[in-house]
PDB file of N, CA and C in Angstrom:
ATOM      1  N   UNK A   1      27.753  -3.817   5.041  1.00  0.00           N
ATOM      2  CA  UNK A   1      26.246  -3.458   4.484  1.00  0.00           C
ATOM      3  C   UNK A   1      25.900  -2.071   5.340  1.00  0.00           C
ATOM      4  N   UNK A   2      25.579  -0.763   4.299  1.00  0.00           N
ATOM      5  CA  UNK A   2      24.710  -0.014   5.349  1.00  0.00           C
ATOM      6  C   UNK A   2      23.384  -0.307   5.504  1.00  0.00           C
ATOM      7  N   UNK A   3      22.799   0.291   6.517  1.00  0.00           N
ATOM      8  CA  UNK A   3      21.727   0.017   6.913  1.00  0.00           C
ATOM      9  C   UNK A   3      20.673   1.100   6.412  1.00  0.00           C
ATOM     10  N   UNK A   4      21.733   2.554   5.836  1.00  0.00           N
ATOM     11  CA  UNK A   4      20.169   3.437   5.942  1.00  0.00           C
ATOM     12  C   UNK A   4      20.182   2.843   4.253  1.00  0.00           C
ATOM     13  N   UNK A   5      18.897   3.606   3.648  1.00  0.00           N
ATOM     14  CA  UNK A   5      18.610   3.567   2.702  1.00  0.00           C
ATOM     15  C   UNK A   5      18.826   2.012   1.815  1.00  0.00           C
ATOM     16  N   UNK A   6      18.774   0.762   2.158  1.00  0.00           N
ATOM     17  CA  UNK A   6      18.709  -0.594   2.158  1.00  0.00           C
ATOM     18  C   UNK A   6      17.000  -0.617   1.959  1.00  0.00           C
ATOM     19  N   UNK A   7      16.809  -1.742   0.836  1.00  0.00           N
ATOM     20  CA  UNK A   7      15.505  -1.846   0.537  1.00  0.00           C
ATOM     21  C   UNK A   7      15.231  -3.140   1.210  1.00  0.00           C
ATOM     22  N   UNK A   8      13.857  -2.458   1.763  1.00  0.00           N
ATOM     23  CA  UNK A   8      13.143  -3.403   2.340  1.00  0.00           C
ATOM     24  C   UNK A   8      11.690  -3.465   2.240  1.00  0.00           C
ATOM     25  N   UNK A   9      11.719  -4.900   1.371  1.00  0.00           N
ATOM     26  CA  UNK A   9      10.448  -4.971   0.594  1.00  0.00           C
ATOM     27  C   UNK A   9       9.253  -5.639   1.693  1.00  0.00           C
ATOM     28  N   UNK A  10       8.071  -5.176   1.658  1.00  0.00           N
ATOM     29  CA  UNK A  10       7.259  -5.916   1.961  1.00  0.00           C
ATOM     30  C   UNK A  10       6.335  -6.434   1.335  1.00  0.00           C
ATOM     31  N   UNK A  11       5.878  -7.838   1.624  1.00  0.00           N
ATOM     32  CA  UNK A  11       5.127  -8.631   1.045  1.00  0.00           C
ATOM     33  C   UNK A  11       3.841  -9.062   1.867  1.00  0.00           C
ATOM     34  N   UNK A  12       2.459  -8.288   1.263  1.00  0.00           N
ATOM     35  CA  UNK A  12       1.366  -8.228   2.830  1.00  0.00           C
ATOM     36  C   UNK A  12       0.142  -8.206   1.999  1.00  0.00           C
ATOM     37  N   UNK A  13      -0.762  -8.989   1.607  1.00  0.00           N
ATOM     38  CA  UNK A  13      -1.870  -8.977   1.305  1.00  0.00           C
ATOM     39  C   UNK A  13      -2.763  -8.383   2.032  1.00  0.00           C
ATOM     40  N   UNK A  14      -2.637  -7.446   2.910  1.00  0.00           N
ATOM     41  CA  UNK A  14      -3.477  -6.200   4.119  1.00  0.00           C
ATOM     42  C   UNK A  14      -2.934  -5.202   3.424  1.00  0.00           C
ATOM     43  N   UNK A  15      -3.823  -4.818   2.851  1.00  0.00           N
ATOM     44  CA  UNK A  15      -3.861  -3.217   1.975  1.00  0.00           C
ATOM     45  C   UNK A  15      -3.022  -1.938   3.456  1.00  0.00           C
ATOM     46  N   UNK A  16      -3.847  -1.974   4.146  1.00  0.00           N
ATOM     47  CA  UNK A  16      -3.205  -0.904   5.214  1.00  0.00           C
ATOM     48  C   UNK A  16      -1.849  -1.156   5.565  1.00  0.00           C
ATOM     49  N   UNK A  17      -1.865  -2.467   6.011  1.00  0.00           N
ATOM     50  CA  UNK A  17      -0.016  -2.960   6.283  1.00  0.00           C
ATOM     51  C   UNK A  17       0.409  -2.090   4.859  1.00  0.00           C
ATOM     52  N   UNK A  18       0.629  -2.789   4.046  1.00  0.00           N
ATOM     53  CA  UNK A  18       1.045  -2.022   2.866  1.00  0.00           C
ATOM     54  C   UNK A  18       1.282  -0.352   2.577  1.00  0.00           C
ATOM     55  N   UNK A  19       0.218   0.306   3.008  1.00  0.00           N
ATOM     56  CA  UNK A  19      -0.080   1.654   3.470  1.00  0.00           C
ATOM     57  C   UNK A  19       0.909   2.603   4.338  1.00  0.00           C
ATOM     58  N   UNK A  20       0.576   1.912   5.655  1.00  0.00           N
ATOM     59  CA  UNK A  20       1.550   2.149   6.968  1.00  0.00           C
ATOM     60  C   UNK A  20       2.670   1.732   7.090  1.00  0.00           C
ATOM     61  N   UNK A  21       3.094   0.827   6.678  1.00  0.00           N
ATOM     62  CA  UNK A  21       4.990   0.316   7.187  1.00  0.00           C
ATOM     63  C   UNK A  21       5.786   1.134   6.097  1.00  0.00           C
ATOM     64  N   UNK A  22       4.962   1.137   4.844  1.00  0.00           N
ATOM     65  CA  UNK A  22       6.205   2.532   4.223  1.00  0.00           C
ATOM     66  C   UNK A  22       6.520   3.438   4.955  1.00  0.00           C
ATOM     67  N   UNK A  23       6.008   4.355   5.656  1.00  0.00           N
ATOM     68  CA  UNK A  23       5.770   5.520   6.118  1.00  0.00           C
ATOM     69  C   UNK A  23       6.877   5.517   7.429  1.00  0.00           C
ATOM     70  N   UNK A  24       6.972   4.273   8.189  1.00  0.00           N
ATOM     71  CA  UNK A  24       7.875   4.405   9.349  1.00  0.00           C
ATOM     72  C   UNK A  24       8.836   3.515   8.687  1.00  0.00           C
ATOM     73  N   UNK A  25       8.981   2.853   7.704  1.00  0.00           N
ATOM     74  CA  UNK A  25      10.376   2.251   7.295  1.00  0.00           C
ATOM     75  C   UNK A  25      10.943   3.805   6.487  1.00  0.00           C
ATOM     76  N   UNK A  26      10.386   4.470   5.899  1.00  0.00           N
ATOM     77  CA  UNK A  26      11.079   5.458   5.766  1.00  0.00           C
ATOM     78  C   UNK A  26      11.791   6.161   6.736  1.00  0.00           C
ATOM     79  N   UNK A  27      10.870   6.491   7.886  1.00  0.00           N
ATOM     80  CA  UNK A  27      11.251   7.296   9.373  1.00  0.00           C
ATOM     81  C   UNK A  27      12.606   6.358   9.379  1.00  0.00           C
ATOM     82  N   UNK A  28      13.006   4.880   9.302  1.00  0.00           N
ATOM     83  CA  UNK A  28      14.107   4.507  10.069  1.00  0.00           C
ATOM     84  C   UNK A  28      15.098   4.688   8.992  1.00  0.00           C
ATOM     85  N   UNK A  29      14.810   4.974   8.007  1.00  0.00           N
ATOM     86  CA  UNK A  29      15.761   5.460   6.883  1.00  0.00           C
ATOM     87  C   UNK A  29      16.206   4.723   5.639  1.00  0.00           C
ATOM     88  N   UNK A  30      15.193   3.587   5.241  1.00  0.00           N
ATOM     89  CA  UNK A  30      15.511   2.268   4.425  1.00  0.00           C
ATOM     90  C   UNK A  30      14.166   3.023   3.152  1.00  0.00           C
ATOM     91  N   UNK A  31      14.578   2.584   1.964  1.00  0.00           N
ATOM     92  CA  UNK A  31      14.045   2.430   0.921  1.00  0.00           C
ATOM     93  C   UNK A  31      12.990   1.664   0.918  1.00  0.00           C
ATOM     94  N   UNK A  32      11.987   1.641   0.391  1.00  0.00           N
ATOM     95  CA  UNK A  32      10.793   0.730   0.555  1.00  0.00           C
ATOM     96  C   UNK A  32      10.374   0.353  -0.770  1.00  0.00           C
ATOM     97  N   UNK A  33       9.769  -1.342  -1.026  1.00  0.00           N
ATOM     98  CA  UNK A  33       8.842  -1.268  -1.960  1.00  0.00           C
ATOM     99  C   UNK A  33       7.606  -2.447  -2.017  1.00  0.00           C
ATOM    100  N   UNK A  34       6.595  -2.299  -1.811  1.00  0.00           N
ATOM    101  CA  UNK A  34       5.326  -2.953  -1.323  1.00  0.00           C
ATOM    102  C   UNK A  34       4.837  -3.693  -2.389  1.00  0.00           C
ATOM    103  N   UNK A  35       4.397  -4.941  -1.802  1.00  0.00           N
ATOM    104  CA  UNK A  35       3.662  -6.353  -2.875  1.00  0.00           C
ATOM    105  C   UNK A  35       2.701  -7.097  -2.374  1.00  0.00           C
ATOM    106  N   UNK A  36       1.690  -6.781  -2.976  1.00  0.00           N
ATOM    107  CA  UNK A  36       0.088  -7.856  -2.353  1.00  0.00           C
ATOM    108  C   UNK A  36       0.355  -9.240  -2.294  1.00  0.00           C
ATOM    109  N   UNK A  37       1.421  -9.949  -2.675  1.00  0.00           N
ATOM    110  CA  UNK A  37       1.340 -11.222  -3.122  1.00  0.00           C
ATOM    111  C   UNK A  37       3.059 -11.531  -3.252  1.00  0.00           C
ATOM    112  N   UNK A  38       3.138 -12.666  -2.809  1.00  0.00           N
ATOM    113  CA  UNK A  38       4.572 -13.462  -3.251  1.00  0.00           C
ATOM    114  C   UNK A  38       4.615 -13.595  -4.592  1.00  0.00           C
ATOM    115  N   UNK A  39       3.431 -13.721  -5.659  1.00  0.00           N
ATOM    116  CA  UNK A  39       4.250 -14.038  -6.512  1.00  0.00           C
ATOM    117  C   UNK A  39       4.418 -12.535  -7.712  1.00  0.00           C
ATOM    118  N   UNK A  40       3.903 -11.501  -6.962  1.00  0.00           N
ATOM    119  CA  UNK A  40       3.856 -10.347  -7.373  1.00  0.00           C
ATOM    120  C   UNK A  40       5.513 -10.196  -7.030  1.00  0.00           C
ATOM    121  N   UNK A  41       5.900 -10.349  -5.968  1.00  0.00           N
ATOM    122  CA  UNK A  41       7.356 -10.014  -5.628  1.00  0.00           C
ATOM    123  C   UNK A  41       8.219 -10.760  -6.393  1.00  0.00           C
ATOM    124  N   UNK A  42       8.050 -12.169  -6.661  1.00  0.00           N
ATOM    125  CA  UNK A  42       8.471 -12.849  -7.515  1.00  0.00           C
ATOM    126  C   UNK A  42       8.899 -12.503  -8.626  1.00  0.00           C
ATOM    127  N   UNK A  43       8.098 -11.844  -9.413  1.00  0.00           N
ATOM    128  CA  UNK A  43       7.892 -11.190 -11.090  1.00  0.00           C
ATOM    129  C   UNK A  43       8.835  -9.796 -10.841  1.00  0.00           C
ATOM    130  N   UNK A  44       8.819  -9.370  -9.889  1.00  0.00           N
ATOM    131  CA  UNK A  44       9.841  -7.956  -9.954  1.00  0.00           C
ATOM    132  C   UNK A  44      11.380  -8.043  -9.831  1.00  0.00           C
ATOM    133  N   UNK A  45      11.698  -6.546 -10.026  1.00  0.00           N
ATOM    134  CA  UNK A  45      13.236  -6.417  -9.994  1.00  0.00           C
ATOM    135  C   UNK A  45      13.706  -6.845  -8.736  1.00  0.00           C
ATOM    136  N   UNK A  46      12.986  -6.323  -7.492  1.00  0.00           N
ATOM    137  CA  UNK A  46      13.267  -5.915  -6.566  1.00  0.00           C
ATOM    138  C   UNK A  46      14.070  -6.947  -5.461  1.00  0.00           C
ATOM    139  N   UNK A  47      13.843  -8.662  -6.441  1.00  0.00           N
ATOM    140  CA  UNK A  47      13.918  -9.943  -5.568  1.00  0.00           C
ATOM    141  C   UNK A  47      15.957  -9.439  -5.682  1.00  0.00           C
ATOM    142  N   UNK A  48      16.473  -8.984  -6.568  1.00  0.00           N
ATOM    143  CA  UNK A  48      17.731  -8.809  -6.666  1.00  0.00           C
ATOM    144  C   UNK A  48      18.177  -7.776  -5.835  1.00  0.00           C
ATOM    145  N   UNK A  49      17.177  -7.178  -5.264  1.00  0.00           N
ATOM    146  CA  UNK A  49      17.661  -5.543  -4.440  1.00  0.00           C
ATOM    147  C   UNK A  49      17.498  -5.711  -3.378  1.00  0.00           C
ATOM    148  N   UNK A  50      16.454  -6.342  -2.816  1.00  0.00           N
ATOM    149  CA  UNK A  50      16.163  -6.348  -1.457  1.00  0.00           C
ATOM    150  C   UNK A  50      17.025  -6.943  -0.497  1.00  0.00           C
ATOM    151  N   UNK A  51      17.368  -6.178   0.546  1.00  0.00           N
ATOM    152  CA  UNK A  51      18.367  -6.686   1.508  1.00  0.00           C
ATOM    153  C   UNK A  51      17.634  -6.680   2.675  1.00  0.00           C
ATOM    154  N   UNK A  52      15.895  -6.876   2.789  1.00  0.00           N
ATOM    155  CA  UNK A  52      15.193  -7.685   4.053  1.00  0.00           C
ATOM    156  C   UNK A  52      13.612  -7.493   3.558  1.00  0.00           C
ATOM    157  N   UNK A  53      13.442  -8.614   4.170  1.00  0.00           N
ATOM    158  CA  UNK A  53      11.713  -8.710   3.517  1.00  0.00           C
ATOM    159  C   UNK A  53      11.080  -8.787   4.640  1.00  0.00           C
ATOM    160  N   UNK A  54      10.249  -8.053   4.694  1.00  0.00           N
ATOM    161  CA  UNK A  54       9.284  -8.123   5.696  1.00  0.00           C
ATOM    162  C   UNK A  54       7.752  -8.686   4.911  1.00  0.00           C
ATOM    163  N   UNK A  55       7.613 -10.206   5.691  1.00  0.00           N
ATOM    164  CA  UNK A  55       6.609 -10.894   4.954  1.00  0.00           C
ATOM    165  C   UNK A  55       6.014 -11.611   5.949  1.00  0.00           C
ATOM    166  N   UNK A  56       4.470 -11.215   5.484  1.00  0.00           N
ATOM    167  CA  UNK A  56       3.117 -11.826   6.144  1.00  0.00           C
ATOM    168  C   UNK A  56       3.268 -13.170   5.835  1.00  0.00           C
ATOM    169  N   UNK A  57       2.561 -14.343   6.845  1.00  0.00           N
ATOM    170  CA  UNK A  57       2.813 -15.464   7.033  1.00  0.00           C
ATOM    171  C   UNK A  57       1.464 -15.858   5.937  1.00  0.00           C
ATOM    172  N   UNK A  58       0.547 -15.723   6.503  1.00  0.00           N
ATOM    173  CA  UNK A  58      -0.924 -16.299   5.453  1.00  0.00           C
ATOM    174  C   UNK A  58      -1.231 -15.229   4.817  1.00  0.00           C
ATOM    175  N   UNK A  59      -1.711 -15.625   3.293  1.00  0.00           N
ATOM    176  CA  UNK A  59      -1.391 -15.106   2.092  1.00  0.00           C
ATOM    177  C   UNK A  59      -2.316 -15.813   1.174  1.00  0.00           C
ATOM    178  N   UNK A  60      -3.195 -15.356   0.393  1.00  0.00           N
ATOM    179  CA  UNK A  60      -3.870 -16.050  -0.985  1.00  0.00           C
ATOM    180  C   UNK A  60      -3.197 -16.791  -1.583  1.00  0.00           C
ATOM    181  N   UNK A  61      -3.038 -18.060  -2.114  1.00  0.00           N
ATOM    182  CA  UNK A  61      -1.726 -18.158  -2.993  1.00  0.00           C
ATOM    183  C   UNK A  61      -0.916 -18.507  -2.482  1.00  0.00           C
ATOM    184  N   UNK A  62       0.619 -18.122  -2.778  1.00  0.00           N
ATOM    185  CA  UNK A  62       1.770 -18.452  -2.209  1.00  0.00           C
ATOM    186  C   UNK A  62       1.718 -17.940  -0.770  1.00  0.00           C
ATOM    187  N   UNK A  63       2.332 -18.708   0.417  1.00  0.00           N
ATOM    188  CA  UNK A  63       2.238 -18.311   1.669  1.00  0.00           C
ATOM    189  C   UNK A  63       3.513 -17.534   1.833  1.00  0.00           C
ATOM    190  N   UNK A  64       3.812 -17.280   2.848  1.00  0.00           N
ATOM    191  CA  UNK A  64       5.273 -16.329   2.877  1.00  0.00           C
ATOM    192  C   UNK A  64       6.207 -17.560   3.742  1.00  0.00           C
ATOM    193  N   UNK A  65       5.774 -18.627   3.876  1.00  0.00           N
ATOM    194  CA  UNK A  65       6.911 -19.854   3.859  1.00  0.00           C
ATOM    195  C   UNK A  65       7.028 -20.429   2.895  1.00  0.00           C
ATOM    196  N   UNK A  66       6.344 -20.378   1.881  1.00  0.00           N
ATOM    197  CA  UNK A  66       6.527 -20.997   0.626  1.00  0.00           C
ATOM    198  C   UNK A  66       7.444 -20.253  -0.340  1.00  0.00           C
ATOM    199  N   UNK A  67       7.086 -18.690   0.032  1.00  0.00           N
ATOM    200  CA  UNK A  67       8.212 -17.927  -0.911  1.00  0.00           C
ATOM    201  C   UNK A  67       9.410 -17.982  -0.293  1.00  0.00           C
ATOM    202  N   UNK A  68       9.742 -18.229   0.998  1.00  0.00           N
ATOM    203  CA  UNK A  68      10.929 -18.685   1.605  1.00  0.00           C
ATOM    204  C   UNK A  68      11.701 -20.012   0.799  1.00  0.00           C
ATOM    205  N   UNK A  69      10.589 -20.816   0.769  1.00  0.00           N
ATOM    206  CA  UNK A  69      11.348 -21.960   0.221  1.00  0.00           C
ATOM    207  C   UNK A  69      11.949 -21.813  -1.231  1.00  0.00           C
ATOM    208  N   UNK A  70      10.876 -20.936  -1.791  1.00  0.00           N
ATOM    209  CA  UNK A  70      10.914 -20.325  -3.153  1.00  0.00           C
ATOM    210  C   UNK A  70      12.175 -19.317  -3.313  1.00  0.00           C
ATOM    211  N   UNK A  71      12.262 -18.599  -2.558  1.00  0.00           N
ATOM    212  CA  UNK A  71      13.810 -18.139  -2.430  1.00  0.00           C
ATOM    213  C   UNK A  71      15.095 -18.777  -2.394  1.00  0.00           C
ATOM    214  N   UNK A  72      14.957 -19.453  -1.257  1.00  0.00           N
ATOM    215  CA  UNK A  72      16.088 -20.491  -1.011  1.00  0.00           C
ATOM    216  C   UNK A  72      16.425 -21.512  -2.153  1.00  0.00           C
ATOM    217  N   UNK A  73      15.406 -21.955  -3.350  1.00  0.00           N
ATOM    218  CA  UNK A  73      15.514 -22.485  -4.247  1.00  0.00           C
ATOM    219  C   UNK A  73      16.295 -21.655  -5.581  1.00  0.00           C
ATOM    220  N   UNK A  74      15.979 -20.580  -5.351  1.00  0.00           N
ATOM    221  CA  UNK A  74      16.746 -19.891  -6.058  1.00  0.00           C
ATOM    222  C   UNK A  74      18.066 -19.010  -5.923  1.00  0.00           C
ATOM    223  N   UNK A  75      18.184 -19.401  -5.065  1.00  0.00           N
ATOM    224  CA  UNK A  75      19.557 -19.126  -4.164  1.00  0.00           C
ATOM    225  C   UNK A  75      19.891 -17.560  -3.574  1.00  0.00           C
ATOM    226  N   UNK A  76      18.575 -16.984  -3.355  1.00  0.00           N
ATOM    227  CA  UNK A  76      18.253 -15.853  -2.854  1.00  0.00           C
ATOM    228  C   UNK A  76      18.459 -15.608  -1.226  1.00  0.00           C
ATOM    229  N   UNK A  77      19.351 -15.479  -1.005  1.00  0.00           N
ATOM    230  CA  UNK A  77      19.576 -15.026   1.046  1.00  0.00           C
ATOM    231  C   UNK A  77      19.190 -13.578   1.297  1.00  0.00           C
ATOM    232  N   UNK A  78      17.666 -13.542   1.042  1.00  0.00           N
ATOM    233  CA  UNK A  78      17.359 -12.485   1.485  1.00  0.00           C
ATOM    234  C   UNK A  78      16.624 -12.696   3.066  1.00  0.00           C
ATOM    235  N   UNK A  79      17.234 -11.980   4.362  1.00  0.00           N
ATOM    236  CA  UNK A  79      17.239 -11.815   5.485  1.00  0.00           C
ATOM    237  C   UNK A  79      15.230 -11.792   5.585  1.00  0.00           C
ATOM    238  N   UNK A  80      14.540 -12.572   6.227  1.00  0.00           N
ATOM    239  CA  UNK A  80      13.330 -12.936   6.330  1.00  0.00           C
ATOM    240  C   UNK A  80      12.665 -12.393   8.053  1.00  0.00           C
ATOM    241  N   UNK A  81      12.051 -11.178   7.990  1.00  0.00           N
ATOM    242  CA  UNK A  81      11.078 -10.769   9.067  1.00  0.00           C
ATOM    243  C   UNK A  81       9.598 -11.045   9.034  1.00  0.00           C
ATOM    244  N   UNK A  82       9.146 -11.903   9.545  1.00  0.00           N
ATOM    245  CA  UNK A  82       7.837 -12.232   9.461  1.00  0.00           C
ATOM    246  C   UNK A  82       6.965 -11.465   9.937  1.00  0.00           C
ATOM    247  N   UNK A  83       5.548 -11.367   9.910  1.00  0.00           N
ATOM    248  CA  UNK A  83       4.615 -10.354  10.397  1.00  0.00           C
ATOM    249  C   UNK A  83       3.349 -11.348  10.333  1.00  0.00           C
ATOM    250  N   UNK A  84       2.469 -11.654  11.338  1.00  0.00           N
ATOM    251  CA  UNK A  84       1.653 -12.361  11.523  1.00  0.00           C
ATOM    252  C   UNK A  84       0.272 -11.557  12.883  1.00  0.00           C
ATOM    253  N   UNK A  85      -1.038 -12.088  12.336  1.00  0.00           N
ATOM    254  CA  UNK A  85      -2.028 -11.781  13.451  1.00  0.00           C
ATOM    255  C   UNK A  85      -2.139 -13.308  13.955  1.00  0.00           C
ATOM    256  N   UNK A  86      -1.584 -14.144  13.556  1.00  0.00           N
ATOM    257  CA  UNK A  86      -1.465 -15.812  14.204  1.00  0.00           C
ATOM    258  C   UNK A  86      -0.980 -15.850  15.318  1.00  0.00           C
ATOM    259  N   UNK A  87      -1.412 -15.356  16.761  1.00  0.00           N
ATOM    260  CA  UNK A  87      -0.948 -15.621  17.939  1.00  0.00           C
ATOM    261  C   UNK A  87      -0.822 -17.243  18.123  1.00  0.00           C
ATOM    262  N   UNK A  88       0.254 -17.617  17.797  1.00  0.00           N
ATOM    263  CA  UNK A  88       0.621 -19.124  18.074  1.00  0.00           C
ATOM    264  C   UNK A  88       2.326 -18.934  18.342  1.00  0.00           C
ATOM    265  N   UNK A  89       2.300 -19.275  19.366  1.00  0.00           N
ATOM    266  CA  UNK A  89       3.935 -19.256  19.591  1.00  0.00           C
ATOM    267  C   UNK A  89       4.478 -20.222  18.600  1.00  0.00           C
ATOM    268  N   UNK A  90       3.971 -21.752  18.526  1.00  0.00           N
ATOM    269  CA  UNK A  90       4.779 -22.691  17.691  1.00  0.00           C
ATOM    270  C   UNK A  90       5.138 -22.288  16.072  1.00  0.00           C
ATOM    271  N   UNK A  91       4.056 -21.371  15.497  1.00  0.00           N
ATOM    272  CA  UNK A  91       4.020 -20.709  14.451  1.00  0.00           C
ATOM    273  C   UNK A  91       5.635 -20.008  14.302  1.00  0.00           C
ATOM    274  N   UNK A  92       5.864 -19.398  15.586  1.00  0.00           N
ATOM    275  CA  UNK A  92       6.965 -18.181  15.386  1.00  0.00           C
ATOM    276  C   UNK A  92       8.448 -19.256  15.518  1.00  0.00           C
ATOM    277  N   UNK A  93       8.281 -20.577  16.551  1.00  0.00           N
ATOM    278  CA  UNK A  93       9.315 -20.855  16.686  1.00  0.00           C
ATOM    279  C   UNK A  93      10.015 -21.610  15.312  1.00  0.00           C
ATOM    280  N   UNK A  94       8.499 -22.435  14.955  1.00  0.00           N
ATOM    281  CA  UNK A  94       8.886 -23.136  13.577  1.00  0.00           C
ATOM    282  C   UNK A  94       9.685 -21.834  12.245  1.00  0.00           C
ATOM    283  N   UNK A  95       9.371 -20.928  12.354  1.00  0.00           N
ATOM    284  CA  UNK A  95       9.457 -20.008  11.348  1.00  0.00           C
ATOM    285  C   UNK A  95      11.008 -19.714  11.125  1.00  0.00           C
ATOM    286  N   UNK A  96      11.470 -19.470  12.958  1.00  0.00           N
ATOM    287  CA  UNK A  96      12.542 -18.975  12.950  1.00  0.00           C
ATOM    288  C   UNK A  96      13.634 -20.463  12.915  1.00  0.00           C
ATOM    289  N   UNK A  97      13.294 -21.521  13.147  1.00  0.00           N
ATOM    290  CA  UNK A  97      14.469 -22.783  13.089  1.00  0.00           C
ATOM    291  C   UNK A  97      14.236 -23.075  11.599  1.00  0.00           C
ATOM    292  N   UNK A  98      13.561 -22.017  10.685  1.00  0.00           N
ATOM    293  CA  UNK A  98      13.650 -22.318   9.276  1.00  0.00           C
ATOM    294  C   UNK A  98      14.353 -21.383   8.814  1.00  0.00           C
ATOM    295  N   UNK A  99      14.757 -20.929   9.486  1.00  0.00           N
ATOM    296  CA  UNK A  99      15.701 -19.603   8.788  1.00  0.00           C
ATOM    297  C   UNK A  99      15.217 -17.670   8.690  1.00  0.00           C
ATOM    298  N   UNK A 100      14.012 -17.612   9.795  1.00  0.00           N
ATOM    299  CA  UNK A 100      13.742 -16.045   9.621  1.00  0.00           C
ATOM    300  C   UNK A 100      14.475 -15.915  10.645  1.00  0.00           C
ATOM    301  N   UNK A 101      14.785 -14.304  10.725  1.00  0.00           N
ATOM    302  CA  UNK A 101      15.352 -14.031  11.616  1.00  0.00           C
ATOM    303  C   UNK A 101      14.210 -13.365  12.589  1.00  0.00           C
ATOM    304  N   UNK A 102      13.131 -13.124  12.280  1.00  0.00           N
ATOM    305  CA  UNK A 102      12.150 -12.908  13.641  1.00  0.00           C
ATOM    306  C   UNK A 102      10.706 -13.267  12.828  1.00  0.00           C
ATOM    307  N   UNK A 103       9.897 -13.148  13.925  1.00  0.00           N
ATOM    308  CA  UNK A 103       8.285 -13.158  13.456  1.00  0.00           C
ATOM    309  C   UNK A 103       7.414 -12.729  14.816  1.00  0.00           C
ATOM    310  N   UNK A 104       7.052 -11.198  14.043  1.00  0.00           N
ATOM    311  CA  UNK A 104       6.664 -10.547  14.771  1.00  0.00           C
ATOM    312  C   UNK A 104       5.058 -10.689  14.916  1.00  0.00           C
ATOM    313  N   UNK A 105       4.387 -10.418  16.040  1.00  0.00           N
ATOM    314  CA  UNK A 105       3.002 -10.309  16.203  1.00  0.00           C
ATOM    315  C   UNK A 105       2.530  -9.151  15.723  1.00  0.00           C
ATOM    316  N   UNK A 106       1.412  -9.090  14.826  1.00  0.00           N
ATOM    317  CA  UNK A 106       0.658  -7.808  14.555  1.00  0.00           C
ATOM    318  C   UNK A 106      -0.402  -7.872  15.985  1.00  0.00           C
ATOM    319  N   UNK A 107      -0.861  -6.439  16.122  1.00  0.00           N
ATOM    320  CA  UNK A 107       0.248  -5.491  16.181  1.00  0.00           C
ATOM    321  C   UNK A 107       1.593  -5.320  17.072  1.00  0.00           C
ATOM    322  N   UNK A 108       2.640  -4.664  16.087  1.00  0.00           N
ATOM    323  CA  UNK A 108       3.794  -5.012  16.877  1.00  0.00           C
ATOM    324  C   UNK A 108       4.689  -3.207  17.275  1.00  0.00           C
ATOM    325  N   UNK A 109       5.492  -3.062  17.991  1.00  0.00           N
ATOM    326  CA  UNK A 109       5.953  -1.607  18.414  1.00  0.00           C
ATOM    327  C   UNK A 109       6.960  -1.514  17.085  1.00  0.00           C
ATOM    328  N   UNK A 110       6.860   0.054  17.227  1.00  0.00           N
ATOM    329  CA  UNK A 110       7.965   0.525  16.028  1.00  0.00           C
ATOM    330  C   UNK A 110       9.520  -0.175  16.528  1.00  0.00           C
ATOM    331  N   UNK A 111      10.105   0.215  17.499  1.00  0.00           N
ATOM    332  CA  UNK A 111      11.187  -0.384  18.463  1.00  0.00           C
ATOM    333  C   UNK A 111      11.270  -1.852  17.816  1.00  0.00           C
ATOM    334  N   UNK A 112      10.455  -2.597  18.132  1.00  0.00           N
ATOM    335  CA  UNK A 112      10.536  -3.857  17.611  1.00  0.00           C
ATOM    336  C   UNK A 112      10.615  -4.508  16.275  1.00  0.00           C
ATOM    337  N   UNK A 113      10.236  -3.456  15.414  1.00  0.00           N
ATOM    338  CA  UNK A 113      10.403  -3.972  13.940  1.00  0.00           C
ATOM    339  C   UNK A 113      11.458  -3.003  13.966  1.00  0.00           C
ATOM    340  N   UNK A 114      12.391  -1.906  14.101  1.00  0.00           N
ATOM    341  CA  UNK A 114      13.674  -1.247  14.047  1.00  0.00           C
ATOM    342  C   UNK A 114      14.462  -2.455  14.629  1.00  0.00           C
ATOM    343  N   UNK A 115      14.458  -3.049  15.532  1.00  0.00           N
ATOM    344  CA  UNK A 115      15.507  -4.173  16.216  1.00  0.00           C
ATOM    345  C   UNK A 115      15.265  -5.347  15.366  1.00  0.00           C
ATOM    346  N   UNK A 116      14.261  -5.609  14.840  1.00  0.00           N
ATOM    347  CA  UNK A 116      14.539  -6.909  14.063  1.00  0.00           C
ATOM    348  C   UNK A 116      15.050  -6.620  12.826  1.00  0.00           C
ATOM    349  N   UNK A 117      15.068  -5.420  12.211  1.00  0.00           N
ATOM    350  CA  UNK A 117      15.512  -5.039  11.371  1.00  0.00           C
ATOM    351  C   UNK A 117      16.992  -4.874  10.990  1.00  0.00           C
ATOM    352  N   UNK A 118      17.106  -4.400  12.237  1.00  0.00           N
ATOM    353  CA  UNK A 118      19.019  -3.707  12.169  1.00  0.00           C
ATOM    354  C   UNK A 118      19.333  -5.458  12.288  1.00  0.00           C
ATOM    355  N   UNK A 119      19.022  -6.155  13.264  1.00  0.00           N
ATOM    356  CA  UNK A 119      19.324  -7.576  13.387  1.00  0.00           C
ATOM    357  C   UNK A 119      19.711  -8.365  12.070  1.00  0.00           C
ATOM    358  N   UNK A 120      18.272  -8.410  11.298  1.00  0.00           N
ATOM    359  CA  UNK A 120      18.300  -9.111  10.032  1.00  0.00           C
ATOM    360  C   UNK A 120      19.504  -8.370   8.700  1.00  0.00           C
ATOM    361  N   UNK A 121      19.963  -7.256   9.202  1.00  0.00           N
ATOM    362  CA  UNK A 121      20.901  -6.290   8.262  1.00  0.00           C
ATOM    363  C   UNK A 121      21.967  -6.667   8.377  1.00  0.00           C
ATOM    364  N   UNK A 122      22.391  -7.025   9.834  1.00  0.00           N
ATOM    365  CA  UNK A 122      23.842  -6.770  10.419  1.00  0.00           C
ATOM    366  C   UNK A 122      23.973  -8.141   9.932  1.00  0.00           C
ATOM    367  N   UNK A 123      22.742  -9.338  10.070  1.00  0.00           N
ATOM    368  CA  UNK A 123      23.551 -10.819   9.347  1.00  0.00           C
ATOM    369  C   UNK A 123      23.882 -11.641  10.812  1.00  0.00           C
ATOM    370  N   UNK A 124      23.902 -13.045  10.596  1.00  0.00           N
ATOM    371  CA  UNK A 124      24.383 -13.828  11.376  1.00  0.00           C
ATOM    372  C   UNK A 124      25.445 -13.551  12.303  1.00  0.00           C
TER     373      UNK A 124
END
């Protein structure tokens, strides 16, 4: 799987994240789509095209972990990188145990995100 131009979808209810992350991801060489909710992502055609998902943990409506469960139910194996403002290491541990590639605490560095994406797209 080629890493450049892979579609990375960003699902976050925070407008500033949806506006700033695509610029960085484009610099890394990725194609990007953004969504303000898990429901919006699920209703889109991006589900079948997304090669990695950057997903907020806590959102109104369906949460990030609930979206992960729904994707698994639909047999969609998309590597997930969670991002969260909740600085709780038990959340990070639990999400990784449930299959996430990484869980980054906001704010995170460009390099840490790039490493997580490289790991997500390389696969297990």
